[in-house]
Amino acid sequence: LAEKAPTRVFANLDAAAFVLGNTNNLLFIDGRTEAYPPTAWNLYSKVKEGGPQALLILKKYGVQDVCLALGSGASDNLAQTLMSNSHWQVTAAGSGGVLWSHEEKEVKEEKVLAAAVASTEHLAEANYSGTRRADLYLAASRLANLAGNMDRALALLRQGLATSPHHPVLLHNA
């Protein structure tokens, strides 16, 4: 995002801090969730659910980039929707999340995700606490899953469990 001209960005709540830390563009993120009416939350939920309706909402509001943190799994359906749509291209990915831009898909998408899996796995092998390493293995697993590499995704979940056997999200997913 920092390399692009300002665009309208949809970011799930988990990605707000990530977006703030990675762009110089002017942003408005209001963390007072109680300040928003139910209609805004319903719209957010519909986008997060993914599917054709989410794509229509993104188009209606002129969204050009979508940044999702994948750690909680709450936006997995939207991530899969974007992956399967020919007008949304993965332009960046890493342990913090994935950035899609509204443009025709190119071959580089697979390379971006493969590099993100490798770099996140490399981070997980660093000298962090067991829980942090497990979180990174989980992130690498979610990236491998997006890339369509289910065997690798499962292996990464198992590596995470070996690092932190009581990690609740890993236990739920493995």
N, C-alpha and C. Protein backbone atom coordinates (compact mmCIF):
# COMPACT_ATOMS: atom_id res chain seq x y z
N LEU A 1 0.81 -1.21 0.00
CA LEU A 1 0.00 0.00 0.00
C LEU A 1 0.84 1.26 0.00
N ALA A 2 1.98 1.20 0.67
CA ALA A 2 2.83 2.39 0.76
C ALA A 2 3.35 2.82 -0.60
N GLU A 3 3.45 1.90 -1.54
CA GLU A 3 3.99 2.20 -2.86
C GLU A 3 2.93 2.69 -3.84
N LYS A 4 1.67 2.63 -3.45
CA LYS A 4 0.57 2.97 -4.35
C LYS A 4 0.03 4.36 -4.06
N ALA A 5 -0.63 4.91 -5.05
CA ALA A 5 -1.39 6.14 -4.82
C ALA A 5 -2.55 5.78 -3.89
N PRO A 6 -3.05 6.73 -3.12
CA PRO A 6 -4.16 6.43 -2.21
C PRO A 6 -5.36 5.83 -2.94
N THR A 7 -5.91 4.78 -2.36
CA THR A 7 -7.10 4.12 -2.90
C THR A 7 -8.04 3.84 -1.74
N ARG A 8 -9.25 3.45 -2.09
CA ARG A 8 -10.20 3.03 -1.06
C ARG A 8 -9.88 1.58 -0.72
N VAL A 9 -9.65 1.32 0.58
CA VAL A 9 -9.20 0.00 1.05
C VAL A 9 -10.22 -0.56 2.03
N PHE A 10 -10.57 -1.84 1.84
CA PHE A 10 -11.34 -2.57 2.84
C PHE A 10 -10.34 -3.39 3.63
N ALA A 11 -10.36 -3.26 4.94
CA ALA A 11 -9.50 -4.07 5.81
C ALA A 11 -10.36 -4.66 6.91
N ASN A 12 -10.19 -5.95 7.16
CA ASN A 12 -10.93 -6.50 8.29
C ASN A 12 -10.35 -5.91 9.57
N LEU A 13 -11.10 -5.98 10.65
CA LEU A 13 -10.68 -5.35 11.90
C LEU A 13 -9.31 -5.83 12.35
N ASP A 14 -9.01 -7.10 12.12
CA ASP A 14 -7.72 -7.65 12.52
C ASP A 14 -6.56 -7.00 11.78
N ALA A 15 -6.83 -6.46 10.60
CA ALA A 15 -5.76 -5.91 9.77
C ALA A 15 -5.58 -4.40 9.95
N ALA A 16 -6.40 -3.75 10.75
CA ALA A 16 -6.33 -2.29 10.86
C ALA A 16 -4.95 -1.81 11.29
N ALA A 17 -4.39 -2.39 12.32
CA ALA A 17 -3.06 -1.97 12.78
C ALA A 17 -2.00 -2.27 11.73
N PHE A 18 -2.15 -3.38 11.03
CA PHE A 18 -1.21 -3.75 9.97
C PHE A 18 -1.23 -2.69 8.86
N VAL A 19 -2.43 -2.26 8.47
CA VAL A 19 -2.56 -1.26 7.43
C VAL A 19 -1.95 0.06 7.90
N LEU A 20 -2.24 0.45 9.11
CA LEU A 20 -1.68 1.70 9.65
C LEU A 20 -0.15 1.68 9.64
N GLY A 21 0.43 0.53 9.94
CA GLY A 21 1.88 0.43 10.02
C GLY A 21 2.59 0.30 8.69
N ASN A 22 1.83 0.10 7.61
CA ASN A 22 2.47 -0.18 6.33
C ASN A 22 2.10 0.77 5.21
N THR A 23 1.57 1.92 5.54
CA THR A 23 1.26 2.89 4.49
C THR A 23 1.41 4.31 5.01
N ASN A 24 1.78 5.20 4.12
CA ASN A 24 1.81 6.62 4.45
C ASN A 24 0.56 7.32 3.98
N ASN A 25 -0.35 6.57 3.34
CA ASN A 25 -1.59 7.15 2.87
C ASN A 25 -2.43 7.62 4.04
N LEU A 26 -3.25 8.62 3.79
CA LEU A 26 -4.15 9.10 4.83
C LEU A 26 -5.20 8.03 5.12
N LEU A 27 -5.37 7.71 6.39
CA LEU A 27 -6.32 6.67 6.78
C LEU A 27 -7.22 7.19 7.88
N PHE A 28 -8.42 6.67 7.88
CA PHE A 28 -9.30 6.92 9.00
C PHE A 28 -9.78 5.57 9.50
N ILE A 29 -9.36 5.22 10.68
CA ILE A 29 -9.81 3.98 11.31
C ILE A 29 -10.33 4.35 12.69
N ASP A 30 -11.61 4.20 12.87
CA ASP A 30 -12.23 4.54 14.14
C ASP A 30 -12.43 3.24 14.91
N GLY A 31 -11.70 3.07 15.97
CA GLY A 31 -11.77 1.84 16.76
C GLY A 31 -12.93 1.77 17.72
N ARG A 32 -13.74 2.82 17.76
CA ARG A 32 -14.89 2.82 18.68
C ARG A 32 -16.03 2.05 18.03
N THR A 33 -16.01 0.75 18.16
CA THR A 33 -16.99 -0.07 17.46
C THR A 33 -18.43 0.28 17.84
N GLU A 34 -18.61 0.78 19.04
CA GLU A 34 -19.97 1.13 19.47
C GLU A 34 -20.50 2.37 18.73
N ALA A 35 -19.64 3.09 18.03
CA ALA A 35 -20.05 4.31 17.33
C ALA A 35 -20.76 4.02 16.01
N TYR A 36 -20.70 2.79 15.54
CA TYR A 36 -21.28 2.46 14.25
C TYR A 36 -22.67 1.87 14.41
N PRO A 37 -23.59 2.24 13.53
CA PRO A 37 -24.95 1.69 13.61
C PRO A 37 -24.96 0.24 13.13
N PRO A 38 -25.99 -0.49 13.49
CA PRO A 38 -26.11 -1.89 13.05
C PRO A 38 -26.04 -2.06 11.54
N THR A 39 -26.51 -1.07 10.78
CA THR A 39 -26.45 -1.20 9.32
C THR A 39 -25.00 -1.28 8.82
N ALA A 40 -24.10 -0.52 9.45
CA ALA A 40 -22.68 -0.58 9.06
C ALA A 40 -22.09 -1.94 9.39
N TRP A 41 -22.43 -2.49 10.54
CA TRP A 41 -21.92 -3.81 10.93
C TRP A 41 -22.49 -4.90 10.03
N ASN A 42 -23.74 -4.75 9.62
CA ASN A 42 -24.34 -5.73 8.71
C ASN A 42 -23.61 -5.71 7.36
N LEU A 43 -23.30 -4.51 6.88
CA LEU A 43 -22.56 -4.38 5.62
C LEU A 43 -21.18 -5.00 5.74
N TYR A 44 -20.48 -4.70 6.84
CA TYR A 44 -19.16 -5.28 7.10
C TYR A 44 -19.25 -6.81 7.11
N SER A 45 -20.26 -7.34 7.78
CA SER A 45 -20.43 -8.80 7.87
C SER A 45 -20.68 -9.41 6.50
N LYS A 46 -21.48 -8.73 5.68
CA LYS A 46 -21.76 -9.26 4.33
C LYS A 46 -20.49 -9.31 3.48
N VAL A 47 -19.64 -8.30 3.62
CA VAL A 47 -18.38 -8.32 2.87
C VAL A 47 -17.50 -9.44 3.39
N LYS A 48 -17.40 -9.53 4.71
CA LYS A 48 -16.52 -10.53 5.34
C LYS A 48 -16.96 -11.97 5.00
N GLU A 49 -18.25 -12.17 4.76
CA GLU A 49 -18.77 -13.50 4.42
C GLU A 49 -18.33 -13.96 3.04
N GLY A 50 -17.92 -13.01 2.19
CA GLY A 50 -17.47 -13.38 0.85
C GLY A 50 -18.64 -13.66 -0.07
N GLY A 51 -18.32 -14.26 -1.21
CA GLY A 51 -19.33 -14.59 -2.20
C GLY A 51 -19.65 -13.42 -3.12
N PRO A 52 -20.57 -13.64 -4.07
CA PRO A 52 -20.90 -12.61 -5.05
C PRO A 52 -21.41 -11.30 -4.42
N GLN A 53 -22.15 -11.42 -3.33
CA GLN A 53 -22.67 -10.21 -2.68
C GLN A 53 -21.54 -9.32 -2.17
N ALA A 54 -20.49 -9.93 -1.62
CA ALA A 54 -19.34 -9.16 -1.14
C ALA A 54 -18.68 -8.41 -2.29
N LEU A 55 -18.53 -9.07 -3.43
CA LEU A 55 -17.91 -8.43 -4.58
C LEU A 55 -18.74 -7.24 -5.06
N LEU A 56 -20.06 -7.39 -5.03
CA LEU A 56 -20.94 -6.28 -5.42
C LEU A 56 -20.80 -5.09 -4.47
N ILE A 57 -20.71 -5.35 -3.19
CA ILE A 57 -20.56 -4.28 -2.21
C ILE A 57 -19.22 -3.57 -2.40
N LEU A 58 -18.15 -4.33 -2.58
CA LEU A 58 -16.83 -3.72 -2.81
C LEU A 58 -16.87 -2.83 -4.05
N LYS A 59 -17.53 -3.32 -5.10
CA LYS A 59 -17.64 -2.54 -6.33
C LYS A 59 -18.46 -1.27 -6.10
N LYS A 60 -19.58 -1.41 -5.41
CA LYS A 60 -20.46 -0.27 -5.15
C LYS A 60 -19.72 0.86 -4.43
N TYR A 61 -18.85 0.51 -3.49
CA TYR A 61 -18.14 1.52 -2.72
C TYR A 61 -16.78 1.91 -3.30
N GLY A 62 -16.48 1.40 -4.49
CA GLY A 62 -15.25 1.79 -5.17
C GLY A 62 -13.98 1.30 -4.50
N VAL A 63 -14.05 0.16 -3.83
CA VAL A 63 -12.89 -0.39 -3.14
C VAL A 63 -11.91 -0.94 -4.18
N GLN A 64 -10.65 -0.51 -4.09
CA GLN A 64 -9.62 -0.95 -5.02
C GLN A 64 -8.63 -1.93 -4.41
N ASP A 65 -8.56 -1.97 -3.07
CA ASP A 65 -7.64 -2.86 -2.38
C ASP A 65 -8.34 -3.48 -1.18
N VAL A 66 -8.01 -4.74 -0.90
CA VAL A 66 -8.54 -5.43 0.26
C VAL A 66 -7.37 -6.01 1.02
N CYS A 67 -7.26 -5.65 2.30
CA CYS A 67 -6.19 -6.16 3.16
C CYS A 67 -6.83 -6.97 4.27
N LEU A 68 -6.47 -8.24 4.35
CA LEU A 68 -7.04 -9.12 5.36
C LEU A 68 -5.95 -9.76 6.20
N ALA A 69 -6.10 -9.65 7.50
CA ALA A 69 -5.32 -10.48 8.41
C ALA A 69 -6.06 -11.81 8.47
N LEU A 70 -5.33 -12.90 8.37
CA LEU A 70 -5.97 -14.21 8.25
C LEU A 70 -5.94 -15.02 9.54
N GLY A 71 -5.33 -14.49 10.58
CA GLY A 71 -5.10 -15.28 11.79
C GLY A 71 -6.33 -15.87 12.42
N SER A 72 -7.42 -15.13 12.49
CA SER A 72 -8.60 -15.64 13.18
C SER A 72 -9.43 -16.57 12.31
N GLY A 73 -9.27 -16.49 11.01
CA GLY A 73 -10.08 -17.31 10.11
C GLY A 73 -11.43 -16.70 9.80
N ALA A 74 -11.75 -15.57 10.42
CA ALA A 74 -13.07 -14.97 10.25
C ALA A 74 -13.30 -14.45 8.83
N SER A 75 -12.24 -14.17 8.10
CA SER A 75 -12.38 -13.63 6.74
C SER A 75 -11.96 -14.63 5.67
N ASP A 76 -11.90 -15.90 6.03
CA ASP A 76 -11.47 -16.91 5.07
C ASP A 76 -12.37 -16.98 3.84
N ASN A 77 -13.70 -16.83 4.03
CA ASN A 77 -14.61 -16.89 2.89
C ASN A 77 -14.35 -15.74 1.93
N LEU A 78 -14.12 -14.54 2.46
CA LEU A 78 -13.81 -13.40 1.59
C LEU A 78 -12.49 -13.64 0.87
N ALA A 79 -11.50 -14.17 1.57
CA ALA A 79 -10.21 -14.46 0.95
C ALA A 79 -10.37 -15.44 -0.21
N GLN A 80 -11.16 -16.49 -0.01
CA GLN A 80 -11.38 -17.47 -1.07
C GLN A 80 -12.14 -16.85 -2.24
N THR A 81 -13.09 -15.97 -1.94
CA THR A 81 -13.83 -15.28 -3.00
C THR A 81 -12.90 -14.45 -3.86
N LEU A 82 -12.00 -13.71 -3.22
CA LEU A 82 -11.06 -12.87 -3.96
C LEU A 82 -10.08 -13.73 -4.76
N MET A 83 -9.65 -14.84 -4.18
CA MET A 83 -8.72 -15.73 -4.88
C MET A 83 -9.33 -16.29 -6.16
N SER A 84 -10.63 -16.56 -6.12
CA SER A 84 -11.27 -17.20 -7.27
C SER A 84 -11.82 -16.21 -8.29
N ASN A 85 -11.68 -14.92 -8.03
CA ASN A 85 -12.21 -13.91 -8.94
C ASN A 85 -11.08 -13.38 -9.84
N SER A 86 -11.34 -13.32 -11.13
CA SER A 86 -10.30 -12.92 -12.08
C SER A 86 -9.94 -11.44 -12.01
N HIS A 87 -10.72 -10.65 -11.29
CA HIS A 87 -10.44 -9.21 -11.20
C HIS A 87 -9.72 -8.80 -9.93
N TRP A 88 -9.40 -9.74 -9.06
CA TRP A 88 -8.67 -9.44 -7.81
C TRP A 88 -7.37 -10.22 -7.82
N GLN A 89 -6.27 -9.49 -7.66
CA GLN A 89 -4.92 -10.04 -7.75
C GLN A 89 -4.22 -9.92 -6.40
N VAL A 90 -3.61 -10.99 -5.92
CA VAL A 90 -2.75 -10.89 -4.73
C VAL A 90 -1.53 -10.08 -5.13
N THR A 91 -1.32 -8.95 -4.45
CA THR A 91 -0.17 -8.11 -4.78
C THR A 91 0.89 -8.12 -3.69
N ALA A 92 0.51 -8.55 -2.49
CA ALA A 92 1.48 -8.67 -1.39
C ALA A 92 0.91 -9.65 -0.37
N ALA A 93 1.82 -10.35 0.31
CA ALA A 93 1.39 -11.30 1.33
C ALA A 93 2.54 -11.52 2.31
N GLY A 94 2.18 -11.84 3.51
CA GLY A 94 3.16 -12.12 4.54
C GLY A 94 2.48 -12.58 5.80
N SER A 95 3.25 -12.68 6.87
CA SER A 95 2.69 -13.20 8.12
C SER A 95 1.58 -12.31 8.67
N GLY A 96 1.58 -11.02 8.30
CA GLY A 96 0.55 -10.10 8.79
C GLY A 96 -0.76 -10.19 8.04
N GLY A 97 -0.72 -10.66 6.82
CA GLY A 97 -1.95 -10.73 6.04
C GLY A 97 -1.68 -10.76 4.55
N VAL A 98 -2.76 -10.53 3.79
CA VAL A 98 -2.68 -10.56 2.33
C VAL A 98 -3.35 -9.31 1.79
N LEU A 99 -2.75 -8.75 0.75
CA LEU A 99 -3.30 -7.58 0.07
C LEU A 99 -3.71 -7.99 -1.34
N TRP A 100 -4.98 -7.75 -1.66
CA TRP A 100 -5.49 -7.95 -3.01
C TRP A 100 -5.73 -6.59 -3.62
N SER A 101 -5.47 -6.45 -4.92
CA SER A 101 -5.77 -5.23 -5.65
C SER A 101 -6.72 -5.57 -6.78
N HIS A 102 -7.60 -4.63 -7.09
CA HIS A 102 -8.59 -4.83 -8.14
C HIS A 102 -7.91 -4.63 -9.48
N GLU A 103 -7.42 -5.72 -10.04
CA GLU A 103 -6.77 -5.71 -11.35
C GLU A 103 -6.79 -7.13 -11.88
N GLU A 104 -6.57 -7.27 -13.16
CA GLU A 104 -6.58 -8.61 -13.76
C GLU A 104 -5.48 -9.47 -13.15
N LYS A 105 -5.79 -10.74 -12.97
CA LYS A 105 -4.81 -11.66 -12.39
C LYS A 105 -3.63 -11.86 -13.32
N GLU A 106 -2.47 -12.01 -12.70
CA GLU A 106 -1.25 -12.34 -13.43
C GLU A 106 -0.66 -13.59 -12.80
N VAL A 107 0.31 -14.20 -13.43
CA VAL A 107 0.93 -15.42 -12.94
C VAL A 107 1.65 -15.19 -11.60
N LYS A 108 2.12 -13.96 -11.35
CA LYS A 108 2.93 -13.69 -10.16
C LYS A 108 2.21 -13.98 -8.84
N GLU A 109 0.88 -14.10 -8.87
CA GLU A 109 0.12 -14.34 -7.64
C GLU A 109 0.61 -15.59 -6.91
N GLU A 110 0.85 -16.66 -7.64
CA GLU A 110 1.33 -17.89 -7.02
C GLU A 110 2.70 -17.70 -6.40
N LYS A 111 3.55 -16.94 -7.06
CA LYS A 111 4.89 -16.68 -6.54
C LYS A 111 4.83 -15.83 -5.28
N VAL A 112 3.93 -14.86 -5.25
CA VAL A 112 3.79 -14.00 -4.07
C VAL A 112 3.37 -14.84 -2.87
N LEU A 113 2.41 -15.73 -3.05
CA LEU A 113 1.95 -16.57 -1.94
C LEU A 113 3.01 -17.59 -1.53
N ALA A 114 3.70 -18.19 -2.49
CA ALA A 114 4.75 -19.16 -2.15
C ALA A 114 5.87 -18.48 -1.37
N ALA A 115 6.26 -17.28 -1.78
CA ALA A 115 7.30 -16.54 -1.06
C ALA A 115 6.83 -16.17 0.34
N ALA A 116 5.55 -15.84 0.49
CA ALA A 116 5.01 -15.49 1.81
C ALA A 116 5.00 -16.70 2.73
N VAL A 117 4.67 -17.87 2.21
CA VAL A 117 4.70 -19.09 3.02
C VAL A 117 6.12 -19.34 3.49
N ALA A 118 7.08 -19.26 2.58
CA ALA A 118 8.48 -19.53 2.92
C ALA A 118 9.02 -18.53 3.94
N SER A 119 8.73 -17.24 3.76
CA SER A 119 9.26 -16.24 4.69
C SER A 119 8.60 -16.35 6.06
N THR A 120 7.32 -16.67 6.09
CA THR A 120 6.62 -16.82 7.37
C THR A 120 7.12 -18.05 8.10
N GLU A 121 7.34 -19.14 7.36
CA GLU A 121 7.89 -20.35 7.98
C GLU A 121 9.29 -20.07 8.52
N HIS A 122 10.07 -19.32 7.78
CA HIS A 122 11.42 -18.96 8.24
C HIS A 122 11.34 -18.16 9.54
N LEU A 123 10.41 -17.22 9.62
CA LEU A 123 10.21 -16.45 10.86
C LEU A 123 9.85 -17.38 12.02
N ALA A 124 9.02 -18.38 11.73
CA ALA A 124 8.58 -19.30 12.78
C ALA A 124 9.73 -20.12 13.34
N GLU A 125 10.79 -20.26 12.58
CA GLU A 125 11.94 -21.02 13.03
C GLU A 125 12.92 -20.17 13.83
N ALA A 126 12.61 -18.88 13.98
CA ALA A 126 13.48 -17.96 14.72
C ALA A 126 13.32 -18.17 16.22
N ASN A 127 14.05 -17.41 16.98
CA ASN A 127 14.11 -17.58 18.43
C ASN A 127 12.99 -16.78 19.11
N TYR A 128 11.75 -17.16 18.85
CA TYR A 128 10.59 -16.55 19.49
C TYR A 128 10.05 -17.51 20.54
N SER A 129 9.08 -17.04 21.32
CA SER A 129 8.41 -17.93 22.27
C SER A 129 7.63 -18.99 21.49
N GLY A 130 7.30 -20.07 22.16
CA GLY A 130 6.55 -21.15 21.51
C GLY A 130 5.22 -20.68 20.94
N THR A 131 4.54 -19.82 21.67
CA THR A 131 3.24 -19.33 21.21
C THR A 131 3.40 -18.46 19.97
N ARG A 132 4.39 -17.58 19.95
CA ARG A 132 4.61 -16.72 18.78
C ARG A 132 5.00 -17.55 17.57
N ARG A 133 5.83 -18.54 17.78
CA ARG A 133 6.22 -19.43 16.68
C ARG A 133 4.99 -20.18 16.15
N ALA A 134 4.14 -20.65 17.06
CA ALA A 134 2.92 -21.35 16.65
C ALA A 134 2.01 -20.42 15.85
N ASP A 135 1.90 -19.16 16.26
CA ASP A 135 1.10 -18.19 15.52
C ASP A 135 1.64 -18.02 14.10
N LEU A 136 2.96 -17.98 13.96
CA LEU A 136 3.56 -17.84 12.64
C LEU A 136 3.35 -19.09 11.78
N TYR A 137 3.43 -20.27 12.38
CA TYR A 137 3.12 -21.48 11.62
C TYR A 137 1.66 -21.47 11.17
N LEU A 138 0.78 -20.98 12.03
CA LEU A 138 -0.63 -20.86 11.65
C LEU A 138 -0.78 -19.91 10.46
N ALA A 139 -0.10 -18.76 10.51
CA ALA A 139 -0.16 -17.81 9.40
C ALA A 139 0.38 -18.44 8.11
N ALA A 140 1.48 -19.16 8.20
CA ALA A 140 2.05 -19.83 7.03
C ALA A 140 1.08 -20.87 6.48
N SER A 141 0.40 -21.57 7.39
CA SER A 141 -0.58 -22.57 6.97
C SER A 141 -1.74 -21.93 6.22
N ARG A 142 -2.22 -20.82 6.72
CA ARG A 142 -3.34 -20.13 6.05
C ARG A 142 -2.91 -19.63 4.67
N LEU A 143 -1.67 -19.16 4.54
CA LEU A 143 -1.17 -18.72 3.25
C LEU A 143 -1.03 -19.89 2.28
N ALA A 144 -0.54 -21.03 2.77
CA ALA A 144 -0.43 -22.23 1.93
C ALA A 144 -1.81 -22.70 1.48
N ASN A 145 -2.77 -22.60 2.37
CA ASN A 145 -4.15 -22.97 2.03
C ASN A 145 -4.68 -22.08 0.91
N LEU A 146 -4.45 -20.77 1.01
CA LEU A 146 -4.87 -19.85 -0.05
C LEU A 146 -4.22 -20.19 -1.38
N ALA A 147 -2.97 -20.62 -1.32
CA ALA A 147 -2.24 -20.99 -2.54
C ALA A 147 -2.71 -22.33 -3.11
N GLY A 148 -3.61 -23.01 -2.38
CA GLY A 148 -4.12 -24.28 -2.84
C GLY A 148 -3.26 -25.46 -2.48
N ASN A 149 -2.30 -25.29 -1.58
CA ASN A 149 -1.40 -26.35 -1.19
C ASN A 149 -1.85 -26.91 0.17
N MET A 150 -2.85 -27.77 0.14
CA MET A 150 -3.45 -28.29 1.38
C MET A 150 -2.49 -29.18 2.17
N ASP A 151 -1.67 -29.97 1.47
CA ASP A 151 -0.72 -30.84 2.18
C ASP A 151 0.28 -29.99 2.98
N ARG A 152 0.78 -28.94 2.36
CA ARG A 152 1.72 -28.05 3.04
C ARG A 152 1.04 -27.32 4.20
N ALA A 153 -0.21 -26.90 3.99
CA ALA A 153 -0.96 -26.21 5.04
C ALA A 153 -1.10 -27.11 6.27
N LEU A 154 -1.43 -28.37 6.06
CA LEU A 154 -1.59 -29.31 7.17
C LEU A 154 -0.25 -29.57 7.86
N ALA A 155 0.81 -29.72 7.09
CA ALA A 155 2.13 -29.94 7.67
C ALA A 155 2.55 -28.75 8.54
N LEU A 156 2.24 -27.54 8.11
CA LEU A 156 2.58 -26.34 8.89
C LEU A 156 1.76 -26.27 10.17
N LEU A 157 0.50 -26.68 10.12
CA LEU A 157 -0.30 -26.74 11.34
C LEU A 157 0.32 -27.72 12.34
N ARG A 158 0.78 -28.84 11.84
CA ARG A 158 1.41 -29.84 12.72
C ARG A 158 2.71 -29.32 13.31
N GLN A 159 3.48 -28.57 12.51
CA GLN A 159 4.72 -27.97 13.04
C GLN A 159 4.37 -26.98 14.16
N GLY A 160 3.32 -26.22 13.96
CA GLY A 160 2.88 -25.29 14.99
C GLY A 160 2.48 -26.00 16.27
N LEU A 161 1.77 -27.11 16.13
CA LEU A 161 1.37 -27.88 17.31
C LEU A 161 2.57 -28.49 18.02
N ALA A 162 3.60 -28.87 17.26
CA ALA A 162 4.81 -29.39 17.89
C ALA A 162 5.50 -28.31 18.71
N THR A 163 5.34 -27.06 18.29
CA THR A 163 5.94 -25.92 18.99
C THR A 163 5.12 -25.52 20.21
N SER A 164 3.80 -25.59 20.07
CA SER A 164 2.89 -25.18 21.15
C SER A 164 1.69 -26.13 21.16
N PRO A 165 1.82 -27.26 21.85
CA PRO A 165 0.81 -28.31 21.79
C PRO A 165 -0.59 -27.92 22.29
N HIS A 166 -0.70 -26.83 23.03
CA HIS A 166 -2.01 -26.45 23.57
C HIS A 166 -2.57 -25.20 22.90
N HIS A 167 -2.02 -24.81 21.75
CA HIS A 167 -2.46 -23.63 21.03
C HIS A 167 -3.91 -23.87 20.55
N PRO A 168 -4.88 -23.09 21.03
CA PRO A 168 -6.29 -23.39 20.75
C PRO A 168 -6.66 -23.31 19.28
N VAL A 169 -6.16 -22.34 18.53
CA VAL A 169 -6.53 -22.21 17.12
C VAL A 169 -5.92 -23.34 16.31
N LEU A 170 -4.68 -23.71 16.62
CA LEU A 170 -4.05 -24.83 15.92
C LEU A 170 -4.79 -26.13 16.22
N LEU A 171 -5.16 -26.34 17.44
CA LEU A 171 -5.90 -27.54 17.81
C LEU A 171 -7.23 -27.61 17.05
N HIS A 172 -7.87 -26.49 16.92
CA HIS A 172 -9.16 -26.43 16.22
C HIS A 172 -9.00 -26.71 14.73
N ASN A 173 -7.90 -26.28 14.14
CA ASN A 173 -7.72 -26.41 12.69
C ASN A 173 -7.01 -27.69 12.25
N ALA A 174 -6.18 -28.24 13.11
CA ALA A 174 -5.43 -29.44 12.72
C ALA A 174 -6.32 -30.66 12.87
